[in-house]
């Protein structure tokens, strides 16, 4: 039996339903940890494809796993399905979810013959909740030897340089006073925020090209006639790797401390979630994916410096420090629109996106087949020493 041809037949059989699933999720965006409809629809699709589905795993109501086969090599295909606040699926998670179902459906009936256990793992809150790390800590990836997903983007990229990332809230507490009658009695929390943001602006010239510091003020007083007693902001910091992330974050936090010291306000930093690690792509498996994608007519342009300027972050990075993983990008012909821009969302339900959905699902399925038949890669993944990193939980910065 030509197993790749059989996998292609199965995906072709599911083509209409996979596209419909992607479009349905796109039309009904749900934020992280609230993806009730998407998780239900994905579970139903996996059940119909022949998977044994368990919902609400890891004490997360919108997390699930569908499992098929009982072979020694365990491959996990990750589904993401949360949307962005105010922008819907402007990162294309509707496509990621459908691609995961498609790849899993192609492998479901072939898994035992290939010596595979195949899991499609539903991972909520990729955007701002680090759902995969919660699931990693709670055992969802136990026994997995390889994890993969394919992410939509303007163009195909084999190994996108995804950055380490942290997100936190900053809160200043000052003292209210009448801004006209007795401003000298107040401690201006908004001034503390202004000083901190000015310091961050001056810091930027000393950062690495791949460092990112960006945020918004979410509260800074209610009336111009009062000295604001409270101010709050939400900030994100990114860097090439976790070590650099710690360094940049420390410098940014000193800027917020400076705002407090200069004004006399007190301040606190609240970590939004565990930091995301940089993505470590398994080169051997990525090469296999690239060959399969190219055989489907995909191509990977040389983007040069543009590649690093257009990067982002993923919680699959944390998984990749424990389990070999790949995270290629697949193009939807969206330029000049790119991920996390409102203009990108409509491109995730175009004919080009639907074609990318099917190509990505099939390329992942074929890559899993190639891995199962490659004695060297399979042996490395199955070896006890396969863990090429160690995830360390950090509850503070």
Protein backbone atom coordinates (compact mmCIF):
# COMPACT_ATOMS: atom_id res chain seq x y z
CA UNK A 1 0.00 0.00 0.00
CA UNK A 2 1.23 3.47 -0.89
CA UNK A 3 0.56 5.09 2.49
CA UNK A 4 1.13 8.64 1.25
CA UNK A 5 -1.39 8.14 -1.53
CA UNK A 6 -3.82 6.70 1.00
CA UNK A 7 -3.33 9.72 3.29
CA UNK A 8 -3.97 12.04 0.35
CA UNK A 9 -7.18 10.17 -0.48
CA UNK A 10 -8.42 10.57 3.07
CA UNK A 11 -7.73 14.30 3.11
CA UNK A 12 -9.43 14.68 -0.25
CA UNK A 13 -12.45 12.86 1.18
CA UNK A 14 -12.52 15.34 4.07
CA UNK A 15 -11.70 18.45 1.99
CA UNK A 16 -15.15 20.05 2.06
CA UNK A 17 -15.73 19.41 5.74
CA UNK A 18 -12.25 20.71 6.66
CA UNK A 19 -12.79 23.94 4.76
CA UNK A 20 -16.26 24.30 6.27
CA UNK A 21 -14.82 23.74 9.74
CA UNK A 22 -12.18 26.43 9.18
CA UNK A 23 -14.78 28.91 7.95
CA UNK A 24 -17.16 28.14 10.82
CA UNK A 25 -14.49 28.77 13.45
CA UNK A 26 -13.48 31.95 11.62
CA UNK A 27 -17.07 33.23 11.65
CA UNK A 28 -17.44 32.55 15.38
CA UNK A 29 -14.27 33.91 17.06
CA UNK A 30 -13.73 33.08 20.73
CA UNK A 31 -11.03 34.36 23.07
CA UNK A 32 -8.54 32.19 24.93
CA UNK A 33 -9.97 29.70 27.45
CA UNK A 34 -13.46 30.58 26.13
CA UNK A 35 -13.36 28.56 22.88
CA UNK A 36 -16.34 26.39 23.74
CA UNK A 37 -17.87 26.13 20.28
CA UNK A 38 -14.57 25.62 18.47
CA UNK A 39 -13.46 22.91 20.89
CA UNK A 40 -16.80 21.14 20.53
CA UNK A 41 -16.75 21.28 16.73
CA UNK A 42 -13.18 19.98 16.60
CA UNK A 43 -14.00 17.14 18.98
CA UNK A 44 -16.99 16.15 16.85
CA UNK A 45 -14.87 16.16 13.67
CA UNK A 46 -12.19 13.99 15.28
CA UNK A 47 -14.78 11.58 16.63
CA UNK A 48 -16.26 11.23 13.15
CA UNK A 49 -12.78 10.57 11.73
CA UNK A 50 -12.29 7.67 14.15
CA UNK A 51 -10.42 9.21 17.07
CA UNK A 52 -11.11 8.46 20.72
CA UNK A 53 -11.74 11.98 22.03
CA UNK A 54 -11.38 13.18 25.61
CA UNK A 55 -12.65 16.67 26.34
CA UNK A 56 -11.87 19.08 29.17
CA UNK A 57 -8.43 17.63 29.87
CA UNK A 58 -5.85 19.23 32.20
CA UNK A 59 -8.63 21.02 34.11
CA UNK A 60 -9.15 23.25 31.07
CA UNK A 61 -12.73 23.06 29.74
CA UNK A 62 -11.73 23.93 26.16
CA UNK A 63 -8.72 21.60 25.94
CA UNK A 64 -9.06 18.13 24.45
CA UNK A 65 -7.16 15.21 22.97
CA UNK A 66 -8.12 12.81 20.19
CA UNK A 67 -6.01 9.68 20.01
CA UNK A 68 -5.61 6.89 17.46
CA UNK A 69 -3.19 4.00 17.12
CA UNK A 70 -0.95 2.34 19.68
CA UNK A 71 2.45 2.35 18.00
CA UNK A 72 5.68 3.10 19.87
CA UNK A 73 6.31 6.48 18.18
CA UNK A 74 3.89 9.08 19.53
CA UNK A 75 3.29 12.15 17.33
CA UNK A 76 1.14 15.05 18.53
CA UNK A 77 -0.50 17.48 16.11
CA UNK A 78 -1.48 20.66 17.93
CA UNK A 79 -4.69 22.53 17.23
CA UNK A 80 -5.05 26.22 18.10
CA UNK A 81 -8.43 27.95 17.88
CA UNK A 82 -8.48 31.11 20.01
CA UNK A 83 -9.06 34.50 18.41
CA UNK A 84 -7.62 37.96 19.00
CA UNK A 85 -9.55 40.64 20.94
CA UNK A 86 -11.27 42.96 18.50
CA UNK A 87 -9.70 41.32 15.43
CA UNK A 88 -11.20 37.84 15.32
CA UNK A 89 -9.01 35.26 13.59
CA UNK A 90 -6.39 37.74 12.44
CA UNK A 91 -3.74 35.10 13.16
CA UNK A 92 -5.46 32.28 11.29
CA UNK A 93 -6.06 29.86 14.13
CA UNK A 94 -9.19 28.70 12.35
CA UNK A 95 -6.84 27.24 9.73
CA UNK A 96 -4.48 25.71 12.30
CA UNK A 97 -7.41 23.90 13.92
CA UNK A 98 -8.72 22.53 10.62
CA UNK A 99 -5.22 21.54 9.48
CA UNK A 100 -4.71 19.56 12.69
CA UNK A 101 -7.98 17.71 12.16
CA UNK A 102 -7.05 17.08 8.52
CA UNK A 103 -3.59 15.72 9.27
CA UNK A 104 -4.96 13.57 12.07
CA UNK A 105 -7.78 12.24 9.90
CA UNK A 106 -5.29 11.27 7.20
CA UNK A 107 -3.23 9.29 9.71
CA UNK A 108 -6.01 7.84 11.87
CA UNK A 109 -6.55 4.52 10.07
CA UNK A 110 -2.87 4.22 9.13
CA UNK A 111 -1.35 4.78 12.56
CA UNK A 112 -0.93 1.18 13.68
CA UNK A 113 0.47 0.06 10.33
CA UNK A 114 3.04 2.86 10.59
CA UNK A 115 3.92 2.08 14.21
CA UNK A 116 2.43 5.35 15.38
CA UNK A 117 0.29 6.71 18.12
CA UNK A 118 -1.30 9.89 16.79
CA UNK A 119 -2.76 12.53 19.08
CA UNK A 120 -4.53 15.68 17.99
CA UNK A 121 -4.21 17.93 21.03
CA UNK A 122 -6.53 20.92 21.37
CA UNK A 123 -4.55 23.71 23.02
CA UNK A 124 -6.55 26.79 24.11
CA UNK A 125 -5.28 30.31 24.68
CA UNK A 126 -2.17 30.37 22.50
CA UNK A 127 -2.38 34.13 22.04
CA UNK A 128 -2.19 35.51 25.57
CA UNK A 129 -2.53 32.57 27.95
CA UNK A 130 0.33 30.15 27.25
CA UNK A 131 -2.15 27.28 27.20
CA UNK A 132 0.37 24.73 25.95
CA UNK A 133 2.67 25.30 28.92
CA UNK A 134 -0.23 24.73 31.32
CA UNK A 135 -1.01 21.51 29.47
CA UNK A 136 2.66 20.51 29.45
CA UNK A 137 2.86 20.94 33.21
CA UNK A 138 -0.38 18.98 33.67
CA UNK A 139 0.74 15.98 31.62
CA UNK A 140 -0.99 16.43 28.24
CA UNK A 141 2.28 15.86 26.35
CA UNK A 142 3.52 12.96 28.46
CA UNK A 143 4.87 10.21 26.21
CA UNK A 144 4.87 12.41 23.08
CA UNK A 145 8.02 12.12 20.93
CA UNK A 146 7.29 14.80 18.33
CA UNK A 147 4.91 17.77 18.20
CA UNK A 148 3.93 19.79 15.15
CA UNK A 149 1.62 22.45 13.79
CA UNK A 150 1.52 24.60 10.69
CA UNK A 151 0.73 28.32 11.03
CA UNK A 152 -0.71 30.60 8.31
CA UNK A 153 1.39 33.59 7.30
CA UNK A 154 1.82 35.83 4.27
CA UNK A 155 4.38 33.41 2.75
CA UNK A 156 5.77 29.93 3.46
CA UNK A 157 8.62 29.80 5.99
CA UNK A 158 10.26 26.53 7.02
CA UNK A 159 11.77 27.56 10.37
CA UNK A 160 10.39 30.96 11.46
CA UNK A 161 12.54 32.57 14.20
CA UNK A 162 9.87 32.82 16.90
CA UNK A 163 10.90 34.87 19.92
CA UNK A 164 10.75 34.40 23.67
CA UNK A 165 7.95 36.52 25.12
CA UNK A 166 6.58 37.77 28.43
CA UNK A 167 3.49 39.81 29.26
CA UNK A 168 2.68 41.66 32.45
CA UNK A 169 0.50 44.36 33.97
CA UNK A 170 1.93 47.41 35.74
CA UNK A 171 -0.08 49.16 38.43
CA UNK A 172 0.76 52.49 40.06
CA UNK A 173 -0.96 53.69 43.20
CA UNK A 174 -0.65 57.37 44.06
CA UNK A 175 -2.84 59.82 46.00
CA UNK A 176 -5.85 61.68 44.65
CA UNK A 177 -6.11 65.44 44.99
CA UNK A 178 -7.99 68.33 43.41
CA UNK A 179 -5.87 69.36 40.43
CA UNK A 180 -6.95 72.99 40.73
CA UNK A 181 -7.29 73.63 44.47
CA UNK A 182 -4.52 71.48 45.95
CA UNK A 183 -2.44 69.60 43.37
CA UNK A 184 0.56 69.66 45.70
CA UNK A 185 -1.24 67.16 47.94
CA UNK A 186 -1.51 64.56 45.20
CA UNK A 187 0.79 61.81 43.98
CA UNK A 188 0.16 61.48 40.25
CA UNK A 189 0.05 57.84 39.15
CA UNK A 190 -0.31 58.92 35.50
CA UNK A 191 2.93 60.91 35.80
CA UNK A 192 4.66 57.77 37.07
CA UNK A 193 3.48 55.95 33.95
CA UNK A 194 4.65 58.80 31.71
CA UNK A 195 8.12 58.74 33.26
CA UNK A 196 8.33 54.97 32.80
CA UNK A 197 7.28 55.15 29.16
CA UNK A 198 9.77 57.93 28.49
CA UNK A 199 12.53 55.80 30.03
CA UNK A 200 11.50 52.85 27.86
CA UNK A 201 11.67 55.10 24.81
CA UNK A 202 15.24 56.09 25.69
CA UNK A 203 16.12 52.43 26.35
CA UNK A 204 15.13 51.35 22.84
CA UNK A 205 18.35 52.55 21.19
CA UNK A 206 20.30 50.13 23.38
CA UNK A 207 18.22 47.04 22.55
CA UNK A 208 19.04 44.28 20.09
CA UNK A 209 17.27 44.39 16.68
CA UNK A 210 15.17 41.36 17.65
CA UNK A 211 14.12 42.81 21.02
CA UNK A 212 10.57 44.13 21.24
CA UNK A 213 8.95 46.27 23.97
CA UNK A 214 5.36 47.30 23.40
CA UNK A 215 2.35 48.10 25.55
CA UNK A 216 -0.71 50.22 26.20
CA UNK A 217 -1.99 52.30 29.11
CA UNK A 218 -5.31 50.81 30.15
CA UNK A 219 -6.19 53.31 32.88
CA UNK A 220 -4.80 56.70 33.90
CA UNK A 221 -7.40 58.68 35.82
CA UNK A 222 -11.04 59.50 35.23
CA UNK A 223 -11.19 63.30 35.24
CA UNK A 224 -8.75 66.08 34.29
CA UNK A 225 -9.84 67.97 37.40
CA UNK A 226 -8.33 65.30 39.69
CA UNK A 227 -4.75 64.18 40.19
CA UNK A 228 -4.95 60.51 39.12
CA UNK A 229 -4.41 58.18 42.06
CA UNK A 230 -4.25 55.03 39.94
CA UNK A 231 -2.76 54.07 36.58
CA UNK A 232 -2.37 50.72 34.88
CA UNK A 233 -0.71 49.42 31.72
CA UNK A 234 -0.31 46.11 29.89
CA UNK A 235 3.14 45.47 28.42
CA UNK A 236 4.90 42.81 26.37
CA UNK A 237 8.61 42.11 26.01
CA UNK A 238 10.20 39.84 23.39
CA UNK A 239 13.77 38.72 22.76
CA UNK A 240 15.70 36.15 20.75
CA UNK A 241 15.83 33.62 23.60
CA UNK A 242 14.91 33.18 27.25
CA UNK A 243 18.24 34.44 28.59
CA UNK A 244 17.97 37.65 26.58
CA UNK A 245 14.32 37.96 27.55
CA UNK A 246 15.25 37.99 31.23
CA UNK A 247 17.84 40.70 30.59
CA UNK A 248 15.53 42.94 28.56
CA UNK A 249 12.63 42.43 30.97
CA UNK A 250 14.83 43.40 33.93
CA UNK A 251 15.79 46.64 32.18
CA UNK A 252 12.18 47.44 31.31
CA UNK A 253 11.04 46.80 34.87
CA UNK A 254 13.66 49.28 36.10
CA UNK A 255 11.96 51.90 33.91
CA UNK A 256 8.68 51.27 35.70
CA UNK A 257 10.50 51.40 39.04
CA UNK A 258 11.91 54.78 38.01
CA UNK A 259 8.38 56.11 37.53
CA UNK A 260 7.48 55.10 41.05
CA UNK A 261 10.64 56.53 42.60
CA UNK A 262 10.33 59.84 40.79
CA UNK A 263 6.73 60.48 41.83
CA UNK A 264 6.49 58.72 45.18
CA UNK A 265 3.85 56.30 43.91
CA UNK A 266 3.93 52.65 44.74
CA UNK A 267 3.87 50.07 41.96
CA UNK A 268 3.42 46.37 41.38
CA UNK A 269 4.11 44.04 38.45
CA UNK A 270 1.68 41.21 37.72
CA UNK A 271 2.80 38.47 35.35
CA UNK A 272 -0.04 37.63 32.93
CA UNK A 273 1.16 34.08 32.27
CA UNK A 274 4.32 32.00 32.17
CA UNK A 275 6.81 33.44 29.67
CA UNK A 276 6.96 31.87 26.22
CA UNK A 277 10.28 30.32 25.21
CA UNK A 278 11.85 30.79 21.80
CA UNK A 279 10.96 28.10 19.26
CA UNK A 280 13.49 25.32 18.68
CA UNK A 281 12.75 23.66 15.33
CA UNK A 282 13.82 20.05 14.88
CA UNK A 283 15.94 20.48 11.75
CA UNK A 284 15.67 16.90 10.47
CA UNK A 285 11.88 16.84 10.71
CA UNK A 286 11.61 20.38 9.30
CA UNK A 287 13.57 19.26 6.23
CA UNK A 288 11.10 16.41 5.70
CA UNK A 289 8.19 18.82 5.99
CA UNK A 290 9.86 21.17 3.51
CA UNK A 291 10.27 18.42 0.93
CA UNK A 292 6.66 17.37 1.30
CA UNK A 293 5.41 20.95 1.06
CA UNK A 294 7.49 21.56 -2.07
CA UNK A 295 6.11 18.38 -3.66
CA UNK A 296 2.67 20.00 -3.27
CA UNK A 297 3.80 23.11 -5.11
CA UNK A 298 4.73 25.22 -2.06
CA UNK A 299 8.00 27.18 -2.04
CA UNK A 300 10.06 28.89 0.64
CA UNK A 301 11.38 32.29 -0.51
CA UNK A 302 14.64 33.71 0.83
CA UNK A 303 13.36 36.58 2.96
CA UNK A 304 16.74 37.70 4.32
CA UNK A 305 16.50 40.30 7.08
CA UNK A 306 12.74 40.60 6.57
CA UNK A 307 12.30 37.23 8.23
CA UNK A 308 13.56 38.43 11.60
CA UNK A 309 11.66 41.71 11.40
CA UNK A 310 8.40 39.89 10.79
CA UNK A 311 8.69 37.42 13.63
CA UNK A 312 6.34 36.64 16.53
CA UNK A 313 6.07 34.20 19.42
CA UNK A 314 4.35 30.90 20.20
CA UNK A 315 3.71 28.77 23.26
CA UNK A 316 4.84 25.79 21.19
CA UNK A 317 8.27 27.22 21.97
CA UNK A 318 7.94 25.92 25.53
CA UNK A 319 7.02 22.48 24.21
CA UNK A 320 10.00 22.54 21.83
CA UNK A 321 12.42 22.84 24.77
CA UNK A 322 11.17 19.50 26.07
CA UNK A 323 9.91 17.63 22.99
CA UNK A 324 11.24 17.87 19.41
CA UNK A 325 8.84 20.03 17.41
CA UNK A 326 8.30 21.92 14.16
CA UNK A 327 6.31 25.08 13.50
CA UNK A 328 6.51 25.97 9.79
CA UNK A 329 4.45 28.78 8.31
CA UNK A 330 2.25 28.35 5.25
CA UNK A 331 1.47 31.24 2.93
CA UNK A 332 -2.01 32.59 2.23
CA UNK A 333 -0.95 35.30 -0.27
CA UNK A 334 -1.98 38.11 2.08
CA UNK A 335 0.74 40.72 1.53
CA UNK A 336 0.89 43.52 2.50
CA UNK A 337 -1.36 42.31 5.33
CA UNK A 338 0.34 40.17 7.98
CA UNK A 339 -0.56 38.30 11.14
CA UNK A 340 -2.14 40.25 14.00
CA UNK A 341 -3.38 42.98 11.68
CA UNK A 342 -7.16 43.30 11.24
CA UNK A 343 -6.64 43.14 7.47
CA UNK A 344 -5.14 39.63 7.79
CA UNK A 345 -8.33 38.02 9.10
CA UNK A 346 -10.26 38.00 5.78
CA UNK A 347 -7.30 36.32 4.06
CA UNK A 348 -7.74 33.27 6.31
CA UNK A 349 -10.95 32.22 4.53
CA UNK A 350 -9.95 32.88 0.92
CA UNK A 351 -9.43 30.28 -1.80
CA UNK A 352 -5.68 30.64 -1.20
CA UNK A 353 -6.17 29.97 2.52
CA UNK A 354 -8.36 26.93 1.81
CA UNK A 355 -5.67 25.55 -0.51
CA UNK A 356 -3.02 26.20 2.17
CA UNK A 357 -5.20 24.42 4.72
CA UNK A 358 -5.29 21.23 2.63
CA UNK A 359 -1.60 21.48 1.70
CA UNK A 360 -0.57 22.01 5.33
CA UNK A 361 -2.65 19.09 6.56
CA UNK A 362 -1.26 16.77 3.89
CA UNK A 363 2.34 17.94 4.35
CA UNK A 364 2.08 17.23 8.10
CA UNK A 365 0.58 13.79 7.48
CA UNK A 366 3.26 12.94 4.94
CA UNK A 367 5.95 14.21 7.33
CA UNK A 368 4.65 11.92 10.08
CA UNK A 369 4.79 9.02 7.60
CA UNK A 370 8.36 9.92 6.60
CA UNK A 371 9.44 10.10 10.24
CA UNK A 372 7.93 6.69 10.96
CA UNK A 373 9.89 5.20 8.03
CA UNK A 374 13.21 6.93 8.77
CA UNK A 375 15.15 4.63 11.09
CA UNK A 376 17.67 7.28 12.13
CA UNK A 377 15.12 9.98 13.01
CA UNK A 378 12.71 7.50 14.54
CA UNK A 379 15.48 6.00 16.66
CA UNK A 380 16.58 9.44 17.86
CA UNK A 381 13.06 10.46 18.82
CA UNK A 382 12.45 7.20 20.67
CA UNK A 383 15.77 7.31 22.54
CA UNK A 384 15.54 8.18 26.26
CA UNK A 385 18.01 11.01 25.65
CA UNK A 386 15.71 12.65 23.09
CA UNK A 387 14.81 15.51 25.43
CA UNK A 388 17.00 18.30 24.08
CA UNK A 389 16.09 20.90 26.65
CA UNK A 390 14.42 21.27 29.98
CA UNK A 391 11.45 23.52 30.63
CA UNK A 392 11.82 25.43 33.88
CA UNK A 393 8.72 27.00 35.37
CA UNK A 394 9.27 30.65 36.23
CA UNK A 395 6.66 32.24 38.43
CA UNK A 396 8.40 35.61 38.69
CA UNK A 397 10.58 37.90 36.63
